Amino acid sequence: MDAVAEIAQAVLYEGYLLWPYRRTAIKNRQRWTFGGVYPEAYSRARGEDDPWQMQTECLVEGDGAATVDVHVRFLHVVERRVAWCTEAGLSFVDEVTVAGQRHVAWEEATERQVLALRRRLDTLATPERIPIAIPAGGATEWLADAAGVRLAAVVRAWRAIEGALELRAARIDTRLFRLTARIVNVTPWDGERRDEALQRTLVATHTILRVTAGEFVSLMGPPLALRGAVDACRNVGTWPVLAGAEGTRDTMLSSPIILYDYPRVAPESPGDLFDATEIDQLLVLNVLTLTEEEQREMRDADPRSREILERCQSLSPEELMRLHGAVRAMQPVREP
């Protein structure tokens, strides 16, 4: 996985679960708090705290033949229910245990992506609208005993989402364009409950933009001559930074989390812990000090929390020591 993919994946799962990674933890009772693009009717009734649109604007240096690829990535909330198999059908409960494995009712998420590839800047003078259309659906995972007899089931369901990615490129100068990527959620739902709205929301939404035969302009440290054009860019609920190898300008990552140009995942990090506001070492040590019952609850809460637990338990003393910190030389800041 390259540096851009690593950071994008960290953004996608930021806040997915928080320490202590248990379903009963207070901080995990209200999830999906980053990068939400909510149904329009719900958003308008609630106000700016739950926006129905997200917009990235940045500058591209190049002629009209330059092309851009736009990747919009987000999580789609999935309702997970569990049930015993009875003669009358499925009987839904809070948890079931089959073959020594406990399964609990909760929410998880699946990754979604919308692509717009090889769009020439000169053709985007006329805005293009790429639909986002995810139908409702579901899946049933049967749980059987050693003889193959079905005893229970894990039933997953997701709601429909309707929206769009709107692209346009406005020529500012002979070799300068303002590129706009606007994401909207127009799912026809006007309920009032937040948990139900979240099932129809683009969660942890972020955008990856790549340009060919052109270069992006840093919005954090632009050349003096372009600062006026940068100030005119309007970013809503997200902020684009240069990404990839230091010094390259062919990729932008637009994220609801504040980042600097060329963000990196620390090489000492053994894996994602879904909470970049905390120190990996402290989170790992806290996981290792959980009681057996707390670890059991963490293991059963979600496949991703189970992976965190198993990874933390498998770390060697040398790997734990590397989490203590590292001293790195900083590059001097240069005025553009």
C-alpha atoms as a PDB file:
ATOM      1  CA  MET A   1       0.000   0.000   0.000  1.00  0.00           C
ATOM      2  CA  ASP A   2       1.511   3.361  -1.028  1.00  0.00           C
ATOM      3  CA  ALA A   3       1.672   6.468   1.167  1.00  0.00           C
ATOM      4  CA  VAL A   4      -1.514   7.999  -0.288  1.00  0.00           C
ATOM      5  CA  ALA A   5      -3.496   4.778   0.180  1.00  0.00           C
ATOM      6  CA  GLU A   6      -2.237   4.405   3.769  1.00  0.00           C
ATOM      7  CA  ILE A   7      -3.336   7.901   4.733  1.00  0.00           C
ATOM      8  CA  ALA A   8      -6.650   7.607   2.871  1.00  0.00           C
ATOM      9  CA  GLN A   9      -7.407   4.347   4.678  1.00  0.00           C
ATOM     10  CA  ALA A  10      -6.574   5.927   8.031  1.00  0.00           C
ATOM     11  CA  VAL A  11      -8.960   8.786   7.226  1.00  0.00           C
ATOM     12  CA  LEU A  12     -11.684   6.348   6.156  1.00  0.00           C
ATOM     13  CA  TYR A  13     -11.624   4.514   9.480  1.00  0.00           C
ATOM     14  CA  GLU A  14     -10.852   7.426  11.821  1.00  0.00           C
ATOM     15  CA  GLY A  15     -13.331   7.118  14.687  1.00  0.00           C
ATOM     16  CA  TYR A  16     -14.783   3.820  13.434  1.00  0.00           C
ATOM     17  CA  LEU A  17     -14.273   2.491  16.968  1.00  0.00           C
ATOM     18  CA  LEU A  18     -12.571   4.213  19.880  1.00  0.00           C
ATOM     19  CA  TRP A  19     -10.757   2.952  22.937  1.00  0.00           C
ATOM     20  CA  PRO A  20     -11.751   0.774  24.770  1.00  0.00           C
ATOM     21  CA  TYR A  21     -13.158  -0.705  21.530  1.00  0.00           C
ATOM     22  CA  ARG A  22     -16.229  -2.141  23.222  1.00  0.00           C
ATOM     23  CA  ARG A  23     -19.874  -1.860  22.259  1.00  0.00           C
ATOM     24  CA  THR A  24     -20.850  -0.798  25.782  1.00  0.00           C
ATOM     25  CA  ALA A  25     -18.295   2.032  26.010  1.00  0.00           C
ATOM     26  CA  ILE A  26     -19.949   5.437  26.245  1.00  0.00           C
ATOM     27  CA  LYS A  27     -17.795   6.939  23.472  1.00  0.00           C
ATOM     28  CA  ASN A  28     -18.884   4.149  21.090  1.00  0.00           C
ATOM     29  CA  ARG A  29     -22.588   4.722  21.587  1.00  0.00           C
ATOM     30  CA  GLN A  30     -22.532   7.625  19.135  1.00  0.00           C
ATOM     31  CA  ARG A  31     -20.342   6.664  16.201  1.00  0.00           C
ATOM     32  CA  TRP A  32     -19.722   7.882  12.640  1.00  0.00           C
ATOM     33  CA  THR A  33     -18.776  11.430  13.640  1.00  0.00           C
ATOM     34  CA  PHE A  34     -16.258  12.318  10.881  1.00  0.00           C
ATOM     35  CA  GLY A  35     -16.906  13.432   7.321  1.00  0.00           C
ATOM     36  CA  GLY A  36     -20.647  12.799   7.195  1.00  0.00           C
ATOM     37  CA  VAL A  37     -22.662  13.889   4.141  1.00  0.00           C
ATOM     38  CA  TYR A  38     -26.263  13.512   5.322  1.00  0.00           C
ATOM     39  CA  PRO A  39     -29.598  13.321   3.454  1.00  0.00           C
ATOM     40  CA  GLU A  40     -30.524  16.811   2.289  1.00  0.00           C
ATOM     41  CA  ALA A  41     -33.954  17.053   3.921  1.00  0.00           C
ATOM     42  CA  TYR A  42     -32.605  15.827   7.275  1.00  0.00           C
ATOM     43  CA  SER A  43     -29.649  18.214   7.036  1.00  0.00           C
ATOM     44  CA  ARG A  44     -31.784  21.266   6.263  1.00  0.00           C
ATOM     45  CA  ALA A  45     -33.963  20.519   9.277  1.00  0.00           C
ATOM     46  CA  ARG A  46     -30.942  20.042  11.555  1.00  0.00           C
ATOM     47  CA  GLY A  47     -28.699  22.857  10.382  1.00  0.00           C
ATOM     48  CA  GLU A  48     -25.009  23.121   9.559  1.00  0.00           C
ATOM     49  CA  ASP A  49     -23.853  20.492  12.071  1.00  0.00           C
ATOM     50  CA  ASP A  50     -25.055  17.694   9.765  1.00  0.00           C
ATOM     51  CA  PRO A  51     -24.234  18.946   6.228  1.00  0.00           C
ATOM     52  CA  TRP A  52     -25.692  17.424   3.072  1.00  0.00           C
ATOM     53  CA  GLN A  53     -22.806  18.506   0.843  1.00  0.00           C
ATOM     54  CA  MET A  54     -19.023  18.555   0.821  1.00  0.00           C
ATOM     55  CA  GLN A  55     -16.906  20.597  -1.567  1.00  0.00           C
ATOM     56  CA  THR A  56     -13.246  20.500  -2.569  1.00  0.00           C
ATOM     57  CA  GLU A  57     -11.714  23.353  -4.564  1.00  0.00           C
ATOM     58  CA  CYS A  58      -8.078  23.496  -5.576  1.00  0.00           C
ATOM     59  CA  LEU A  59      -5.849  24.855  -8.324  1.00  0.00           C
ATOM     60  CA  VAL A  60      -4.313  22.927 -11.216  1.00  0.00           C
ATOM     61  CA  GLU A  61      -1.446  24.260 -13.323  1.00  0.00           C
ATOM     62  CA  GLY A  62      -1.583  22.930 -16.884  1.00  0.00           C
ATOM     63  CA  ASP A  63      -3.346  23.369 -20.172  1.00  0.00           C
ATOM     64  CA  GLY A  64      -6.839  22.183 -21.045  1.00  0.00           C
ATOM     65  CA  ALA A  65      -5.562  18.786 -22.189  1.00  0.00           C
ATOM     66  CA  ALA A  66      -4.525  17.858 -18.636  1.00  0.00           C
ATOM     67  CA  THR A  67      -6.726  15.104 -17.189  1.00  0.00           C
ATOM     68  CA  VAL A  68      -7.915  14.419 -13.665  1.00  0.00           C
ATOM     69  CA  ASP A  69      -9.020  11.265 -11.888  1.00  0.00           C
ATOM     70  CA  VAL A  70     -11.363  11.778  -8.940  1.00  0.00           C
ATOM     71  CA  HIS A  71     -11.982   9.059  -6.334  1.00  0.00           C
ATOM     72  CA  VAL A  72     -14.651   9.651  -3.691  1.00  0.00           C
ATOM     73  CA  ARG A  73     -14.480   7.132  -0.836  1.00  0.00           C
ATOM     74  CA  PHE A  74     -16.802   6.733   2.132  1.00  0.00           C
ATOM     75  CA  LEU A  75     -18.282   4.238   4.571  1.00  0.00           C
ATOM     76  CA  HIS A  76     -21.865   2.980   4.317  1.00  0.00           C
ATOM     77  CA  VAL A  77     -23.353   2.016   7.681  1.00  0.00           C
ATOM     78  CA  VAL A  78     -24.606  -1.572   7.877  1.00  0.00           C
ATOM     79  CA  GLU A  79     -27.113  -2.710  10.493  1.00  0.00           C
ATOM     80  CA  ARG A  80     -26.099  -6.048  12.019  1.00  0.00           C
ATOM     81  CA  ARG A  81     -28.726  -8.158  13.797  1.00  0.00           C
ATOM     82  CA  VAL A  82     -28.472 -11.654  15.252  1.00  0.00           C
ATOM     83  CA  ALA A  83     -31.188 -14.282  15.626  1.00  0.00           C
ATOM     84  CA  TRP A  84     -31.848 -17.827  16.721  1.00  0.00           C
ATOM     85  CA  CYS A  85     -33.379 -20.211  14.217  1.00  0.00           C
ATOM     86  CA  THR A  86     -36.795 -21.427  15.420  1.00  0.00           C
ATOM     87  CA  GLU A  87     -39.623 -23.394  13.845  1.00  0.00           C
ATOM     88  CA  ALA A  88     -41.464 -20.105  13.404  1.00  0.00           C
ATOM     89  CA  GLY A  89     -38.497 -18.461  11.700  1.00  0.00           C
ATOM     90  CA  LEU A  90     -35.778 -16.141  12.934  1.00  0.00           C
ATOM     91  CA  SER A  91     -36.086 -14.852  16.489  1.00  0.00           C
ATOM     92  CA  PHE A  92     -33.952 -11.715  16.875  1.00  0.00           C
ATOM     93  CA  VAL A  93     -32.005 -11.204  20.096  1.00  0.00           C
ATOM     94  CA  ASP A  94     -29.095  -9.100  21.362  1.00  0.00           C
ATOM     95  CA  GLU A  95     -26.501 -11.872  21.093  1.00  0.00           C
ATOM     96  CA  VAL A  96     -26.034 -15.529  20.180  1.00  0.00           C
ATOM     97  CA  THR A  97     -23.198 -17.971  20.831  1.00  0.00           C
ATOM     98  CA  VAL A  98     -22.587 -20.797  18.361  1.00  0.00           C
ATOM     99  CA  ALA A  99     -19.584 -23.151  18.375  1.00  0.00           C
ATOM    100  CA  GLY A 100     -17.974 -21.072  21.099  1.00  0.00           C
ATOM    101  CA  GLN A 101     -18.178 -17.818  19.125  1.00  0.00           C
ATOM    102  CA  ARG A 102     -20.363 -14.981  20.390  1.00  0.00           C
ATOM    103  CA  HIS A 103     -22.091 -12.725  17.854  1.00  0.00           C
ATOM    104  CA  VAL A 104     -23.748  -9.458  18.931  1.00  0.00           C
ATOM    105  CA  ALA A 105     -26.164  -7.017  17.357  1.00  0.00           C
ATOM    106  CA  TRP A 106     -24.587  -3.679  16.443  1.00  0.00           C
ATOM    107  CA  GLU A 107     -23.526  -1.621  13.438  1.00  0.00           C
ATOM    108  CA  GLU A 108     -20.568  -2.040  11.143  1.00  0.00           C
ATOM    109  CA  ALA A 109     -19.743  -0.476   7.783  1.00  0.00           C
ATOM    110  CA  THR A 110     -18.749  -1.329   4.250  1.00  0.00           C
ATOM    111  CA  GLU A 111     -16.487   0.686   1.957  1.00  0.00           C
ATOM    112  CA  ARG A 112     -17.948   2.490  -1.060  1.00  0.00           C
ATOM    113  CA  GLN A 113     -16.232   4.334  -3.912  1.00  0.00           C
ATOM    114  CA  VAL A 114     -17.286   6.602  -6.769  1.00  0.00           C
ATOM    115  CA  LEU A 115     -14.895   7.173  -9.671  1.00  0.00           C
ATOM    116  CA  ALA A 116     -14.534   9.795 -12.374  1.00  0.00           C
ATOM    117  CA  LEU A 117     -11.535   8.930 -14.544  1.00  0.00           C
ATOM    118  CA  ARG A 118      -9.567  10.792 -17.224  1.00  0.00           C
ATOM    119  CA  ARG A 119     -11.656  13.970 -17.314  1.00  0.00           C
ATOM    120  CA  ARG A 120      -9.994  16.691 -19.395  1.00  0.00           C
ATOM    121  CA  LEU A 121      -9.953  20.067 -17.723  1.00  0.00           C
ATOM    122  CA  ASP A 122     -11.231  21.868 -20.819  1.00  0.00           C
ATOM    123  CA  THR A 123     -14.306  19.612 -21.028  1.00  0.00           C
ATOM    124  CA  LEU A 124     -15.187  20.345 -17.405  1.00  0.00           C
ATOM    125  CA  ALA A 125     -15.932  23.956 -18.244  1.00  0.00           C
ATOM    126  CA  THR A 126     -19.402  22.471 -18.532  1.00  0.00           C
ATOM    127  CA  PRO A 127     -20.049  20.854 -15.129  1.00  0.00           C
ATOM    128  CA  GLU A 128     -20.412  17.068 -15.086  1.00  0.00           C
ATOM    129  CA  ARG A 129     -22.639  15.188 -12.646  1.00  0.00           C
ATOM    130  CA  ILE A 130     -21.748  11.581 -11.785  1.00  0.00           C
ATOM    131  CA  PRO A 131     -24.633   9.848  -9.980  1.00  0.00           C
ATOM    132  CA  ILE A 132     -24.167   8.046  -6.664  1.00  0.00           C
ATOM    133  CA  ALA A 133     -26.821   5.329  -6.545  1.00  0.00           C
ATOM    134  CA  ILE A 134     -26.517   2.546  -3.975  1.00  0.00           C
ATOM    135  CA  PRO A 135     -29.626   0.357  -3.702  1.00  0.00           C
ATOM    136  CA  ALA A 136     -30.813  -1.047  -0.399  1.00  0.00           C
ATOM    137  CA  GLY A 137     -29.758  -4.602   0.259  1.00  0.00           C
ATOM    138  CA  GLY A 138     -28.798  -7.217   2.765  1.00  0.00           C
ATOM    139  CA  ALA A 139     -27.087 -10.515   3.438  1.00  0.00           C
ATOM    140  CA  THR A 140     -27.597 -13.417   5.831  1.00  0.00           C
ATOM    141  CA  GLU A 141     -24.723 -15.360   7.386  1.00  0.00           C
ATOM    142  CA  TRP A 142     -25.911 -18.704   8.767  1.00  0.00           C
ATOM    143  CA  LEU A 143     -24.284 -20.082  11.932  1.00  0.00           C
ATOM    144  CA  ALA A 144     -24.195 -23.872  12.198  1.00  0.00           C
ATOM    145  CA  ASP A 145     -23.006 -26.481  14.656  1.00  0.00           C
ATOM    146  CA  ALA A 146     -20.348 -29.122  13.943  1.00  0.00           C
ATOM    147  CA  ALA A 147     -22.937 -31.283  12.183  1.00  0.00           C
ATOM    148  CA  GLY A 148     -23.906 -28.477   9.829  1.00  0.00           C
ATOM    149  CA  VAL A 149     -27.273 -27.767  11.455  1.00  0.00           C
ATOM    150  CA  ARG A 150     -28.252 -24.102  11.272  1.00  0.00           C
ATOM    151  CA  LEU A 151     -28.721 -22.725  14.763  1.00  0.00           C
ATOM    152  CA  ALA A 152     -28.597 -18.974  14.308  1.00  0.00           C
ATOM    153  CA  ALA A 153     -27.940 -16.200  11.802  1.00  0.00           C
ATOM    154  CA  VAL A 154     -26.221 -12.849  11.450  1.00  0.00           C
ATOM    155  CA  VAL A 155     -28.450 -10.614   9.322  1.00  0.00           C
ATOM    156  CA  ARG A 156     -26.939  -7.518   7.732  1.00  0.00           C
ATOM    157  CA  ALA A 157     -28.923  -4.759   6.009  1.00  0.00           C
ATOM    158  CA  TRP A 158     -28.096  -1.421   4.431  1.00  0.00           C
ATOM    159  CA  ARG A 159     -30.303   1.429   3.249  1.00  0.00           C
ATOM    160  CA  ALA A 160     -30.313   3.078  -0.168  1.00  0.00           C
ATOM    161  CA  ILE A 161     -28.206   6.174  -0.769  1.00  0.00           C
ATOM    162  CA  GLU A 162     -28.715   8.629  -3.628  1.00  0.00           C
ATOM    163  CA  GLY A 163     -26.400  11.497  -4.426  1.00  0.00           C
ATOM    164  CA  ALA A 164     -23.909  12.816  -6.909  1.00  0.00           C
ATOM    165  CA  LEU A 165     -20.357  13.903  -7.526  1.00  0.00           C
ATOM    166  CA  GLU A 166     -20.362  17.216  -9.404  1.00  0.00           C
ATOM    167  CA  LEU A 167     -17.176  18.245 -11.229  1.00  0.00           C
ATOM    168  CA  ARG A 168     -16.212  21.463 -12.941  1.00  0.00           C
ATOM    169  CA  ALA A 169     -13.016  23.264 -13.917  1.00  0.00           C
ATOM    170  CA  ALA A 170     -12.933  27.038 -14.417  1.00  0.00           C
ATOM    171  CA  ARG A 171     -10.045  28.558 -16.372  1.00  0.00           C
ATOM    172  CA  ILE A 172      -8.389  31.329 -14.359  1.00  0.00           C
ATOM    173  CA  ASP A 173      -5.408  31.949 -16.628  1.00  0.00           C
ATOM    174  CA  THR A 174      -3.777  30.427 -19.684  1.00  0.00           C
ATOM    175  CA  ARG A 175      -2.318  27.566 -17.639  1.00  0.00           C
ATOM    176  CA  LEU A 176      -4.320  27.715 -14.422  1.00  0.00           C
ATOM    177  CA  PHE A 177      -7.662  26.108 -13.531  1.00  0.00           C
ATOM    178  CA  ARG A 178      -9.830  26.033 -10.442  1.00  0.00           C
ATOM    179  CA  LEU A 179     -11.056  22.450 -10.028  1.00  0.00           C
ATOM    180  CA  THR A 180     -14.222  21.845  -7.993  1.00  0.00           C
ATOM    181  CA  ALA A 181     -15.478  18.478  -6.747  1.00  0.00           C
ATOM    182  CA  ARG A 182     -18.802  18.734  -4.936  1.00  0.00           C
ATOM    183  CA  ILE A 183     -20.446  15.749  -3.235  1.00  0.00           C
ATOM    184  CA  VAL A 184     -24.163  15.903  -2.410  1.00  0.00           C
ATOM    185  CA  ASN A 185     -26.579  13.512  -0.701  1.00  0.00           C
ATOM    186  CA  VAL A 186     -30.126  13.776  -2.057  1.00  0.00           C
ATOM    187  CA  THR A 187     -31.449  10.531  -0.566  1.00  0.00           C
ATOM    188  CA  PRO A 188     -35.227  11.050  -0.225  1.00  0.00           C
ATOM    189  CA  TRP A 189     -35.551  10.701   3.546  1.00  0.00           C
ATOM    190  CA  ASP A 190     -36.802  13.311   5.997  1.00  0.00           C
ATOM    191  CA  GLY A 191     -36.928  11.430   9.298  1.00  0.00           C
ATOM    192  CA  GLU A 192     -35.711  12.959  12.546  1.00  0.00           C
ATOM    193  CA  ARG A 193     -33.670  10.206  14.233  1.00  0.00           C
ATOM    194  CA  ARG A 194     -29.922  10.570  13.832  1.00  0.00           C
ATOM    195  CA  ASP A 195     -29.246   6.837  13.925  1.00  0.00           C
ATOM    196  CA  GLU A 196     -31.613   6.301  11.012  1.00  0.00           C
ATOM    197  CA  ALA A 197     -30.151   9.258   9.106  1.00  0.00           C
ATOM    198  CA  LEU A 198     -26.656   7.789   9.498  1.00  0.00           C
ATOM    199  CA  GLN A 199     -27.753   4.634   7.705  1.00  0.00           C
ATOM    200  CA  ARG A 200     -28.371   6.868   4.671  1.00  0.00           C
ATOM    201  CA  THR A 201     -25.239   8.998   5.095  1.00  0.00           C
ATOM    202  CA  LEU A 202     -21.875   9.040   3.326  1.00  0.00           C
ATOM    203  CA  VAL A 203     -19.627   8.564   6.378  1.00  0.00           C
ATOM    204  CA  ALA A 204     -15.909   9.479   6.616  1.00  0.00           C
ATOM    205  CA  THR A 205     -16.139  10.946   3.130  1.00  0.00           C
ATOM    206  CA  HIS A 206     -12.909  12.025   1.456  1.00  0.00           C
ATOM    207  CA  THR A 207     -11.686  12.664  -2.073  1.00  0.00           C
ATOM    208  CA  ILE A 208      -8.478  11.671  -3.842  1.00  0.00           C
ATOM    209  CA  LEU A 209      -7.605  13.730  -6.937  1.00  0.00           C
ATOM    210  CA  ARG A 210      -4.833  12.855  -9.393  1.00  0.00           C
ATOM    211  CA  VAL A 211      -3.740  14.926 -12.355  1.00  0.00           C
ATOM    212  CA  THR A 212      -1.863  13.890 -15.500  1.00  0.00           C
ATOM    213  CA  ALA A 213       0.065  16.460 -17.598  1.00  0.00           C
ATOM    214  CA  GLY A 214      -0.473  19.066 -14.899  1.00  0.00           C
ATOM    215  CA  GLU A 215       0.337  19.907 -11.277  1.00  0.00           C
ATOM    216  CA  PHE A 216      -1.700  20.854  -8.237  1.00  0.00           C
ATOM    217  CA  VAL A 217      -0.899  23.979  -6.229  1.00  0.00           C
ATOM    218  CA  SER A 218      -0.400  23.680  -2.489  1.00  0.00           C
ATOM    219  CA  LEU A 219      -3.159  25.499  -0.638  1.00  0.00           C
ATOM    220  CA  MET A 220      -0.978  25.597   2.488  1.00  0.00           C
ATOM    221  CA  GLY A 221       2.123  27.114   0.934  1.00  0.00           C
ATOM    222  CA  PRO A 222       1.284  28.496  -2.512  1.00  0.00           C
ATOM    223  CA  PRO A 223       3.608  30.729  -4.546  1.00  0.00           C
ATOM    224  CA  LEU A 224       3.081  34.403  -3.778  1.00  0.00           C
ATOM    225  CA  ALA A 225       1.636  35.034  -7.243  1.00  0.00           C
ATOM    226  CA  LEU A 226      -1.125  32.463  -6.669  1.00  0.00           C
ATOM    227  CA  ARG A 227      -2.162  33.337  -3.112  1.00  0.00           C
ATOM    228  CA  GLY A 228      -5.117  35.372  -4.316  1.00  0.00           C
ATOM    229  CA  ALA A 229      -6.398  32.464  -6.409  1.00  0.00           C
ATOM    230  CA  VAL A 230      -5.899  30.086  -3.473  1.00  0.00           C
ATOM    231  CA  ASP A 231      -7.835  32.407  -1.156  1.00  0.00           C
ATOM    232  CA  ALA A 232     -10.733  32.334  -3.628  1.00  0.00           C
ATOM    233  CA  CYS A 233     -11.032  28.526  -3.366  1.00  0.00           C
ATOM    234  CA  ARG A 234     -14.042  27.487  -1.310  1.00  0.00           C
ATOM    235  CA  ASN A 235     -13.690  24.239   0.615  1.00  0.00           C
ATOM    236  CA  VAL A 236     -16.707  23.004   2.583  1.00  0.00           C
ATOM    237  CA  GLY A 237     -16.283  20.324   5.257  1.00  0.00           C
ATOM    238  CA  THR A 238     -12.957  19.175   3.853  1.00  0.00           C
ATOM    239  CA  TRP A 239      -9.453  20.430   3.088  1.00  0.00           C
ATOM    240  CA  PRO A 240      -7.136  19.331   0.259  1.00  0.00           C
ATOM    241  CA  VAL A 241      -3.418  18.761   0.813  1.00  0.00           C
ATOM    242  CA  LEU A 242      -0.669  17.507  -1.474  1.00  0.00           C
ATOM    243  CA  ALA A 243      -0.071  13.781  -1.036  1.00  0.00           C
ATOM    244  CA  GLY A 244       2.428  11.186  -2.210  1.00  0.00           C
ATOM    245  CA  ALA A 245       6.190  11.467  -2.461  1.00  0.00           C
ATOM    246  CA  GLU A 246       7.612  14.693  -1.008  1.00  0.00           C
ATOM    247  CA  GLY A 247       7.883  17.361  -3.680  1.00  0.00           C
ATOM    248  CA  THR A 248       5.475  15.780  -6.177  1.00  0.00           C
ATOM    249  CA  ARG A 249       2.324  17.661  -7.120  1.00  0.00           C
ATOM    250  CA  ASP A 250       0.207  15.137  -8.987  1.00  0.00           C
ATOM    251  CA  THR A 251      -2.047  14.040  -6.100  1.00  0.00           C
ATOM    252  CA  MET A 252      -4.353  15.795  -3.647  1.00  0.00           C
ATOM    253  CA  LEU A 253      -6.073  14.192  -0.666  1.00  0.00           C
ATOM    254  CA  SER A 254      -9.102  16.149   0.480  1.00  0.00           C
ATOM    255  CA  SER A 255     -10.051  15.093   3.990  1.00  0.00           C
ATOM    256  CA  PRO A 256     -12.474  16.122   6.754  1.00  0.00           C
ATOM    257  CA  ILE A 257      -9.509  15.746   9.127  1.00  0.00           C
ATOM    258  CA  ILE A 258      -6.890  18.528   9.203  1.00  0.00           C
ATOM    259  CA  LEU A 259      -3.653  17.347   7.597  1.00  0.00           C
ATOM    260  CA  TYR A 260      -0.478  18.965   6.303  1.00  0.00           C
ATOM    261  CA  ASP A 261       0.988  18.533   2.831  1.00  0.00           C
ATOM    262  CA  TYR A 262       2.538  15.077   2.324  1.00  0.00           C
ATOM    263  CA  PRO A 263       1.074  13.383   5.420  1.00  0.00           C
ATOM    264  CA  ARG A 264       2.554  10.041   6.429  1.00  0.00           C
ATOM    265  CA  VAL A 265       1.745   7.139   8.711  1.00  0.00           C
ATOM    266  CA  ALA A 266       4.599   6.705  11.210  1.00  0.00           C
ATOM    267  CA  PRO A 267       6.693   3.667  10.195  1.00  0.00           C
ATOM    268  CA  GLU A 268       6.683   2.487  13.836  1.00  0.00           C
ATOM    269  CA  SER A 269       2.872   2.146  13.848  1.00  0.00           C
ATOM    270  CA  PRO A 270       1.906  -1.547  13.807  1.00  0.00           C
ATOM    271  CA  GLY A 271      -1.507  -0.831  12.301  1.00  0.00           C
ATOM    272  CA  ASP A 272      -4.613   1.339  12.429  1.00  0.00           C
ATOM    273  CA  LEU A 273      -6.164   1.958  15.849  1.00  0.00           C
ATOM    274  CA  PHE A 274      -8.954   4.228  14.504  1.00  0.00           C
ATOM    275  CA  ASP A 275      -7.931   7.122  16.756  1.00  0.00           C
ATOM    276  CA  ALA A 276      -5.169   9.364  15.401  1.00  0.00           C
ATOM    277  CA  THR A 277      -5.708  11.810  18.274  1.00  0.00           C
ATOM    278  CA  GLU A 278      -4.155   9.287  20.669  1.00  0.00           C
ATOM    279  CA  ILE A 279      -0.627   7.866  20.889  1.00  0.00           C
ATOM    280  CA  ASP A 280      -0.272   4.339  19.512  1.00  0.00           C
ATOM    281  CA  GLN A 281       1.857   3.214  22.440  1.00  0.00           C
ATOM    282  CA  LEU A 282      -0.763   4.239  25.000  1.00  0.00           C
ATOM    283  CA  LEU A 283      -3.585   2.627  23.071  1.00  0.00           C
ATOM    284  CA  VAL A 284      -1.676  -0.645  22.677  1.00  0.00           C
ATOM    285  CA  LEU A 285      -0.739  -0.747  26.376  1.00  0.00           C
ATOM    286  CA  ASN A 286      -4.337   0.019  27.342  1.00  0.00           C
ATOM    287  CA  VAL A 287      -5.570  -2.851  25.181  1.00  0.00           C
ATOM    288  CA  LEU A 288      -3.099  -5.212  26.831  1.00  0.00           C
ATOM    289  CA  THR A 289      -4.314  -4.239  30.312  1.00  0.00           C
ATOM    290  CA  LEU A 290      -7.983  -5.025  29.639  1.00  0.00           C
ATOM    291  CA  THR A 291      -9.520  -7.753  31.757  1.00  0.00           C
ATOM    292  CA  GLU A 292     -10.388 -11.087  30.148  1.00  0.00           C
ATOM    293  CA  GLU A 293     -14.077 -10.132  30.025  1.00  0.00           C
ATOM    294  CA  GLU A 294     -13.280  -6.741  28.481  1.00  0.00           C
ATOM    295  CA  GLN A 295     -11.071  -8.398  25.874  1.00  0.00           C
ATOM    296  CA  ARG A 296     -13.870 -10.859  25.130  1.00  0.00           C
ATOM    297  CA  GLU A 297     -16.286  -7.985  24.567  1.00  0.00           C
ATOM    298  CA  MET A 298     -13.758  -6.224  22.331  1.00  0.00           C
ATOM    299  CA  ARG A 299     -13.176  -9.417  20.361  1.00  0.00           C
ATOM    300  CA  ASP A 300     -16.883  -9.991  19.802  1.00  0.00           C
ATOM    301  CA  ALA A 301     -17.860  -6.383  19.036  1.00  0.00           C
ATOM    302  CA  ASP A 302     -16.581  -6.198  15.467  1.00  0.00           C
ATOM    303  CA  PRO A 303     -14.142  -8.017  13.164  1.00  0.00           C
ATOM    304  CA  ARG A 304     -11.944  -4.921  13.076  1.00  0.00           C
ATOM    305  CA  SER A 305     -11.751  -4.602  16.862  1.00  0.00           C
ATOM    306  CA  ARG A 306     -10.888  -8.301  16.989  1.00  0.00           C
ATOM    307  CA  GLU A 307      -8.014  -7.637  14.574  1.00  0.00           C
ATOM    308  CA  ILE A 308      -6.718  -4.812  16.799  1.00  0.00           C
ATOM    309  CA  LEU A 309      -6.801  -7.059  19.863  1.00  0.00           C
ATOM    310  CA  GLU A 310      -4.988  -9.923  18.148  1.00  0.00           C
ATOM    311  CA  ARG A 311      -2.369  -7.571  16.692  1.00  0.00           C
ATOM    312  CA  CYS A 312      -1.668  -5.955  20.056  1.00  0.00           C
ATOM    313  CA  GLN A 313      -1.352  -9.350  21.737  1.00  0.00           C
ATOM    314  CA  SER A 314       1.111 -10.553  19.095  1.00  0.00           C
ATOM    315  CA  LEU A 315       3.554  -7.613  19.345  1.00  0.00           C
ATOM    316  CA  SER A 316       7.057  -8.553  20.433  1.00  0.00           C
ATOM    317  CA  PRO A 317       8.937  -6.595  23.148  1.00  0.00           C
ATOM    318  CA  GLU A 318      11.075  -5.028  20.391  1.00  0.00           C
ATOM    319  CA  GLU A 319       7.981  -3.853  18.492  1.00  0.00           C
ATOM    320  CA  LEU A 320       6.530  -2.380  21.677  1.00  0.00           C
ATOM    321  CA  MET A 321       9.763  -0.492  22.348  1.00  0.00           C
ATOM    322  CA  ARG A 322       9.662   1.047  18.849  1.00  0.00           C
ATOM    323  CA  LEU A 323       6.349   2.638  19.808  1.00  0.00           C
ATOM    324  CA  HIS A 324       8.147   4.608  22.524  1.00  0.00           C
ATOM    325  CA  GLY A 325       9.160   7.217  19.952  1.00  0.00           C
ATOM    326  CA  ALA A 326      11.772   8.248  17.436  1.00  0.00           C
ATOM    327  CA  VAL A 327      13.856  11.356  16.757  1.00  0.00           C
ATOM    328  CA  ARG A 328      13.753  12.588  13.172  1.00  0.00           C
ATOM    329  CA  ALA A 329      15.452  15.535  11.512  1.00  0.00           C
ATOM    330  CA  MET A 330      13.008  18.180  10.317  1.00  0.00           C
ATOM    331  CA  GLN A 331      13.404  19.804   6.925  1.00  0.00           C
ATOM    332  CA  PRO A 332      13.749  23.609   7.104  1.00  0.00           C
ATOM    333  CA  VAL A 333      10.678  25.534   6.058  1.00  0.00           C
ATOM    334  CA  ARG A 334      11.217  27.537   2.898  1.00  0.00           C
ATOM    335  CA  GLU A 335       9.285  30.618   1.970  1.00  0.00           C
ATOM    336  CA  PRO A 336       7.791  30.234  -1.529  1.00  0.00           C
END
